[in-house]
Structure formats: structure tokens, C-alpha cells
Amino acid sequence: MLDKIGHVKNPLSVVAIFAGLAEVSGTLILPHLETSIQSVYVWFLMLFPTLLIALFFSTLNWNHTALYAPSDYRNEDHFARLAKASPDAIAAKTEAEVGEELAGDAVLEALPPARESYSSELAESVTPNLEPAPRRTSPQWVQERHRELAQRSRTVQQSAISKLETERGMLFAREIAAEGIPRMVFDAVSIHDNQTIIVEVKYTERGNLGSSNLHNTFTATLAFQQTMSDARRQKLHFILVVVISDEATNADRERLLTIANRVRSEYSFSSEVVVWRYGEVVNIFD
């Protein structure tokens, strides 16, 4: 009989056994307690499972890979080669992506300003007490813009991955690093139907992702593919999700898709490019 039960193999089994033993032992003990204590104990028996369920689903949502052991994967190499990225690596990646978007802002700032259609006297009469806005090249503006982009990029990343999970019916482990390459951080990874799926999310307000930026993203995926076995390399799929602002034009979107697909065609592994608008992602999945 005991041979059929087997041994505990992962954290999920520990949680299940602990919850079961706590509830069964609690029920058996209850009749033997004094009447004055029974009411308190009953509250414990009711609240404890609720707390356990809340903690379980929190872990399932934010770090579900912690619930499984290497033996739960069809190929334990996946468990060994992928792990939660460190906070420093995640911060460094966010910093690099924000820097790329700020560089795009600098290019646009260098363009000649549009001519005003009204006189300076009229402008002063309409807004006489407003302080001039900081220039887009001032340290104050750059700092505020950096903070805004960093926060928005994080929001977009999480919301876009949630949208993918909903549309494709799969779960992704988020902010994953390759073993031995801690600075190689992917926004999300899923092992689904024996296929490794890697997701990278890029946010750009004006669709000004350049070819070099996109090449760096695809090259990182290629470098990870080289660490896989020959059989696994054929089952790698890369999804590049680009989120643009709601104000970006259709022409901006089509230009971005053209550039991204041209870069994608230069790499042999399976891949796709998805472009969403900010409102399609954040307003629904934030």
C-alpha cells in the first residue's frame, strides 16, 4: 500500500501533505478541547485554509516555477539551464531598454521645431503665469522621463505577458536568466508541449526601434539556442512583442513591423513578431 504512494518529489507535494494533515488532525482534536477554546479553534480551522490558498495562488501567479522539482520537467536540462534572474540583472536590462528609448527621444529632439501658428503676444495673453516647461534635453526632464519610461516599461512587460498567457492558454515564468549567463535575461519563458518558448517585450512610444536594437534581441536568443542540445534547438520558438503608444500612427506600426520582420528573417530559429498598442494591453491586463 505504502509503495503505491511513493515519496515526496516536489514542493507542491509538501504543501498538499501539510494542508491535509493540518485539517485532519485539527478535526480530530476539536472534540477533546474545552468548550471555551473550541470557538477560537474553529476560527483557526476556517481561516488557515483560506490563508494557505491565498499564498498558494500568489506563488502560482508570481513564481510558479518554485512549486516544481527538476524531475517534474520532461527534460531536466530545462530546469538546470533556466532560473529566476537576479534583481541586479533585471534592473540592468530595464536601464538599457530605457536608455534606448531616451536615445530615440534625443534624435527627435534634434529635429527642427514646428512653427507656431499664433503670435507670441497672444500666447502670453493666454498663459501669462505659467512657468516655462523644462527643455527636453535638461537634466530635470531626462530624469523625469527616465523614471516614467522605467515604470511604464515594467507595466507593459507584465501586462503583455498576461495577454499572451490568456490568448495562447499557457503559463510563462517571468524574468528568467540562462544558467552561466546571468546577464542574459528573458522577459518570459514557457516549456509547452515539449517546446521552449521565449518572449521579449519591447515598449516604444513612437515605434523607433532600430535594426541594431532588434538584432541584439534576436542575437541573445540565438546565443541561448547554442547552449541547447541539437534536438531542443529545433523546438525553440521566439516571440517578440512590441508595444507602441496609442498615439502612434498606422504608418509607424507598419514601418516597425517591416523592420522587425526583415531582421527576423535573418535568423534560422522559429520566431514571430507581435505589435500591440498600449491601450490593447495595459487597460485590460494592468
Protein backbone atom coordinates (compact mmCIF):
# COMPACT_ATOMS: atom_id res chain seq x y z
CA MET A 1 0.00 0.00 0.00
CA LEU A 2 2.71 2.46 1.01
CA ASP A 3 4.72 1.55 -2.08
CA LYS A 4 1.92 2.97 -4.23
CA ILE A 5 2.07 6.36 -2.52
CA GLY A 6 5.67 6.99 -3.47
CA HIS A 7 7.96 9.62 -1.97
CA VAL A 8 7.66 13.38 -1.84
CA LYS A 9 9.25 14.75 -5.01
CA ASN A 10 8.49 18.48 -5.10
CA PRO A 11 7.36 21.48 -3.01
CA LEU A 12 3.81 21.14 -4.31
CA SER A 13 3.55 17.69 -2.67
CA VAL A 14 4.80 19.14 0.62
CA VAL A 15 2.10 21.83 0.54
CA ALA A 16 -0.62 19.27 -0.17
CA ILE A 17 0.52 16.88 2.60
CA PHE A 18 0.90 19.70 5.11
CA ALA A 19 -2.57 21.09 4.38
CA GLY A 20 -4.18 17.66 4.58
CA LEU A 21 -2.51 16.71 7.87
CA ALA A 22 -3.33 20.07 9.44
CA GLU A 23 -7.04 19.82 8.62
CA VAL A 24 -7.42 16.13 9.58
CA SER A 25 -5.53 16.49 12.88
CA GLY A 26 -7.41 19.70 13.63
CA THR A 27 -10.77 17.99 13.18
CA LEU A 28 -9.76 15.05 15.39
CA ILE A 29 -8.52 17.32 18.16
CA LEU A 30 -11.53 19.65 18.22
CA PRO A 31 -13.92 17.40 20.27
CA HIS A 32 -11.30 16.99 23.01
CA LEU A 33 -10.84 20.72 23.61
CA GLU A 34 -12.58 22.69 26.32
CA THR A 35 -15.74 24.49 25.23
CA SER A 36 -14.22 27.92 25.84
CA ILE A 37 -11.36 27.19 23.42
CA GLN A 38 -13.36 25.45 20.72
CA SER A 39 -14.73 28.66 19.20
CA VAL A 40 -11.21 30.07 18.74
CA TYR A 41 -10.01 26.79 17.31
CA VAL A 42 -12.91 26.65 14.85
CA TRP A 43 -11.92 30.10 13.56
CA PHE A 44 -8.39 28.81 13.05
CA LEU A 45 -9.67 25.79 11.09
CA MET A 46 -11.65 28.15 8.84
CA LEU A 47 -9.04 30.87 8.31
CA PHE A 48 -5.95 28.67 7.93
CA PRO A 49 -7.06 27.04 4.62
CA THR A 50 -8.05 30.47 3.29
CA LEU A 51 -4.60 31.86 4.06
CA LEU A 52 -2.93 28.79 2.58
CA ILE A 53 -4.93 29.10 -0.64
CA ALA A 54 -4.11 32.82 -0.92
CA LEU A 55 -0.39 32.14 -0.50
CA PHE A 56 -0.54 29.24 -2.93
CA PHE A 57 -2.17 31.26 -5.72
CA SER A 58 0.18 34.19 -5.06
CA THR A 59 3.12 31.85 -5.60
CA LEU A 60 1.41 30.33 -8.63
CA ASN A 61 0.97 33.78 -10.17
CA TRP A 62 4.36 35.36 -9.46
CA ASN A 63 6.80 32.45 -9.12
CA HIS A 64 5.09 29.21 -10.13
CA THR A 65 8.38 27.52 -11.05
CA ALA A 66 9.18 27.28 -7.31
CA LEU A 67 6.40 24.70 -6.95
CA TYR A 68 8.10 22.12 -9.14
CA ALA A 69 11.16 19.92 -8.87
CA PRO A 70 13.55 19.20 -11.76
CA SER A 71 12.03 15.73 -12.17
CA ASP A 72 8.65 17.31 -12.99
CA TYR A 73 10.04 18.55 -16.31
CA ARG A 74 10.12 16.21 -19.29
CA ASN A 75 13.73 17.19 -19.72
CA GLU A 76 15.55 18.20 -16.52
CA ASP A 77 18.04 20.20 -18.59
CA HIS A 78 15.38 22.91 -18.89
CA PHE A 79 15.27 23.26 -15.11
CA ALA A 80 19.04 23.45 -14.85
CA ARG A 81 19.56 25.94 -17.69
CA LEU A 82 16.87 28.45 -16.71
CA ALA A 83 16.47 30.20 -13.37
CA LYS A 84 14.95 33.34 -11.90
CA ALA A 85 17.06 36.34 -12.88
CA SER A 86 18.71 38.37 -10.14
CA PRO A 87 17.32 41.84 -9.26
CA ASP A 88 20.58 43.43 -10.46
CA ALA A 89 20.32 41.73 -13.86
CA ILE A 90 16.68 42.74 -14.23
CA ALA A 91 17.48 46.34 -13.29
CA ALA A 92 20.39 46.44 -15.75
CA LYS A 93 18.16 45.21 -18.57
CA THR A 94 15.46 47.77 -17.78
CA GLU A 95 18.09 50.50 -17.66
CA ALA A 96 19.40 49.51 -21.10
CA GLU A 97 15.92 49.48 -22.65
CA VAL A 98 15.04 52.86 -21.16
CA GLY A 99 18.34 54.23 -22.46
CA GLU A 100 17.44 53.05 -25.97
CA GLU A 101 14.10 54.85 -25.84
CA LEU A 102 15.73 58.02 -24.48
CA ALA A 103 18.20 57.88 -27.35
CA GLY A 104 15.24 57.86 -29.72
CA ASP A 105 13.85 60.92 -27.93
CA ALA A 106 17.18 62.69 -28.43
CA VAL A 107 17.02 62.02 -32.17
CA LEU A 108 13.55 63.51 -32.38
CA GLU A 109 14.59 66.48 -30.27
CA ALA A 110 17.32 67.27 -32.78
CA LEU A 111 14.70 67.80 -35.49
CA PRO A 112 13.74 71.45 -36.19
CA PRO A 113 10.70 72.57 -34.16
CA ALA A 114 7.38 73.14 -35.86
CA ARG A 115 6.44 76.78 -36.46
CA GLU A 116 3.81 78.25 -34.16
CA SER A 117 0.60 79.43 -35.80
CA TYR A 118 -0.05 82.22 -33.33
CA SER A 119 1.83 85.26 -32.17
CA SER A 120 3.94 85.47 -29.03
CA GLU A 121 1.72 88.31 -27.78
CA LEU A 122 -1.34 86.04 -27.99
CA ALA A 123 0.49 83.22 -26.23
CA GLU A 124 1.49 85.50 -23.38
CA SER A 125 -2.08 86.77 -23.01
CA VAL A 126 -3.45 83.23 -22.78
CA THR A 127 -0.88 81.76 -20.35
CA PRO A 128 0.72 84.72 -18.55
CA ASN A 129 1.60 82.96 -15.28
CA LEU A 130 2.84 79.56 -16.48
CA GLU A 131 6.48 78.76 -15.91
CA PRO A 132 8.32 77.54 -18.99
CA ALA A 133 8.46 73.76 -19.26
CA PRO A 134 11.93 72.25 -18.87
CA ARG A 135 13.70 71.63 -22.16
CA ARG A 136 13.66 68.05 -23.37
CA THR A 137 17.44 67.99 -23.04
CA SER A 138 17.60 69.38 -19.49
CA PRO A 139 18.72 67.09 -16.63
CA GLN A 140 15.36 67.60 -14.94
CA TRP A 141 13.41 66.45 -17.98
CA VAL A 142 15.73 63.49 -18.62
CA GLN A 143 15.38 62.31 -15.02
CA GLU A 144 11.58 62.56 -15.05
CA ARG A 145 11.40 60.93 -18.46
CA HIS A 146 13.69 58.10 -17.33
CA ARG A 147 11.53 57.38 -14.29
CA GLU A 148 8.34 57.48 -16.37
CA LEU A 149 9.71 55.13 -19.03
CA ALA A 150 11.08 52.66 -16.49
CA GLN A 151 7.72 52.41 -14.73
CA ARG A 152 5.77 52.19 -17.98
CA SER A 153 8.11 49.55 -19.43
CA ARG A 154 7.62 47.33 -16.37
CA THR A 155 3.84 47.73 -16.55
CA VAL A 156 3.78 46.98 -20.26
CA GLN A 157 6.01 43.93 -19.84
CA GLN A 158 3.83 42.29 -17.19
CA SER A 159 0.57 43.14 -18.95
CA ALA A 160 1.77 41.92 -22.35
CA ILE A 161 2.85 38.57 -20.89
CA SER A 162 -0.54 38.21 -19.17
CA LYS A 163 -2.24 38.91 -22.51
CA LEU A 164 -0.13 36.22 -24.18
CA GLU A 165 -0.98 33.74 -21.43
CA THR A 166 -4.69 34.42 -21.88
CA GLU A 167 -4.69 34.27 -25.67
CA ARG A 168 -2.47 31.19 -26.01
CA GLY A 169 -3.55 29.22 -22.96
CA MET A 170 -0.13 28.76 -21.39
CA LEU A 171 1.80 29.96 -18.35
CA PHE A 172 5.10 31.81 -18.52
CA ALA A 173 7.86 32.01 -15.93
CA ARG A 174 8.87 35.67 -15.86
CA GLU A 175 12.27 37.35 -15.84
CA ILE A 176 14.34 34.25 -16.44
CA ALA A 177 18.11 34.04 -16.88
CA ALA A 178 20.17 31.38 -18.62
CA GLU A 179 22.48 29.34 -16.40
CA GLY A 180 26.06 30.51 -16.70
CA ILE A 181 24.95 33.73 -18.44
CA PRO A 182 23.27 35.66 -15.58
CA ARG A 183 23.14 38.89 -17.61
CA MET A 184 21.11 37.20 -20.36
CA VAL A 185 17.61 37.88 -19.07
CA PHE A 186 14.43 36.94 -20.94
CA ASP A 187 11.13 38.58 -20.06
CA ALA A 188 9.29 35.25 -20.07
CA VAL A 189 9.90 31.57 -20.82
CA SER A 190 7.47 28.68 -21.14
CA ILE A 191 8.03 24.99 -21.77
CA HIS A 192 4.84 23.95 -23.52
CA ASP A 193 4.21 20.68 -25.38
CA ASN A 194 7.93 19.94 -25.15
CA GLN A 195 8.69 23.26 -26.88
CA THR A 196 10.73 26.08 -25.34
CA ILE A 197 9.06 29.45 -25.94
CA ILE A 198 10.96 32.67 -25.19
CA VAL A 199 9.24 36.05 -25.03
CA GLU A 200 10.77 39.50 -25.18
CA VAL A 201 8.61 42.61 -24.69
CA LYS A 202 9.71 45.99 -26.04
CA TYR A 203 7.97 49.29 -25.36
CA THR A 204 8.46 52.21 -27.72
CA GLU A 205 6.13 55.17 -27.90
CA ARG A 206 6.86 56.14 -31.49
CA GLY A 207 7.90 52.79 -32.91
CA ASN A 208 11.51 53.93 -33.20
CA LEU A 209 13.18 50.57 -32.58
CA GLY A 210 16.20 50.42 -34.84
CA SER A 211 17.64 47.39 -36.62
CA SER A 212 20.63 47.24 -34.26
CA ASN A 213 18.31 47.11 -31.24
CA LEU A 214 16.30 44.29 -32.78
CA HIS A 215 19.44 42.41 -33.83
CA ASN A 216 20.67 42.48 -30.23
CA THR A 217 17.41 40.90 -29.08
CA PHE A 218 17.49 38.12 -31.67
CA THR A 219 21.22 37.54 -31.13
CA ALA A 220 20.65 36.93 -27.41
CA THR A 221 18.07 34.27 -28.26
CA LEU A 222 20.48 32.73 -30.78
CA ALA A 223 23.21 32.60 -28.11
CA PHE A 224 20.87 30.74 -25.77
CA GLN A 225 19.89 28.35 -28.56
CA GLN A 226 23.54 27.38 -28.97
CA THR A 227 23.58 26.09 -25.36
CA MET A 228 20.75 23.64 -26.09
CA SER A 229 21.01 20.12 -27.43
CA ASP A 230 20.51 19.57 -31.16
CA ALA A 231 17.03 18.13 -30.60
CA ARG A 232 15.98 21.04 -28.40
CA ARG A 233 17.26 23.69 -30.79
CA GLN A 234 14.66 22.63 -33.34
CA LYS A 235 11.89 23.19 -30.78
CA LEU A 236 12.79 26.74 -29.78
CA HIS A 237 10.27 29.45 -30.62
CA PHE A 238 10.85 33.16 -30.01
CA ILE A 239 8.07 35.75 -29.68
CA LEU A 240 8.95 39.43 -29.92
CA VAL A 241 6.15 41.60 -28.57
CA VAL A 242 6.41 45.31 -29.34
CA VAL A 243 4.01 47.70 -27.62
CA ILE A 244 3.59 51.17 -29.09
CA SER A 245 1.69 54.16 -27.76
CA ASP A 246 -1.94 54.76 -28.69
CA GLU A 247 -0.84 57.97 -30.43
CA ALA A 248 1.48 56.15 -32.85
CA THR A 249 0.13 56.14 -36.41
CA ASN A 250 -0.67 53.10 -38.52
CA ALA A 251 2.29 54.07 -40.68
CA ASP A 252 4.54 53.88 -37.59
CA ARG A 253 3.19 50.42 -36.85
CA GLU A 254 3.66 49.14 -40.39
CA ARG A 255 7.19 50.55 -40.58
CA LEU A 256 8.08 48.83 -37.30
CA LEU A 257 6.63 45.51 -38.49
CA THR A 258 8.58 45.74 -41.74
CA ILE A 259 11.88 46.36 -39.96
CA ALA A 260 11.25 43.65 -37.34
CA ASN A 261 10.26 41.03 -39.90
CA ARG A 262 13.30 41.85 -42.03
CA VAL A 263 15.56 41.29 -39.00
CA ARG A 264 13.64 38.15 -38.03
CA SER A 265 14.19 36.61 -41.45
CA GLU A 266 17.96 36.66 -40.88
CA TYR A 267 17.76 34.10 -38.05
CA SER A 268 17.08 30.42 -38.57
CA PHE A 269 15.12 29.67 -35.39
CA SER A 270 11.32 29.82 -35.33
CA SER A 271 10.05 33.29 -34.39
CA GLU A 272 7.22 35.76 -34.74
CA VAL A 273 6.65 39.48 -34.21
CA VAL A 274 3.53 40.84 -32.49
CA VAL A 275 2.73 44.56 -32.32
CA TRP A 276 0.10 45.84 -29.88
CA ARG A 277 -0.94 49.29 -28.84
CA TYR A 278 -0.61 50.43 -25.23
CA GLY A 279 -4.38 50.52 -24.71
CA GLU A 280 -4.79 46.97 -26.01
CA VAL A 281 -2.51 45.68 -23.28
CA VAL A 282 -2.48 47.83 -20.18
CA ASN A 283 -6.12 48.94 -19.96
CA ILE A 284 -7.21 45.30 -19.90
CA PHE A 285 -4.40 43.46 -18.14
CA ASP A 286 -2.98 46.01 -15.66
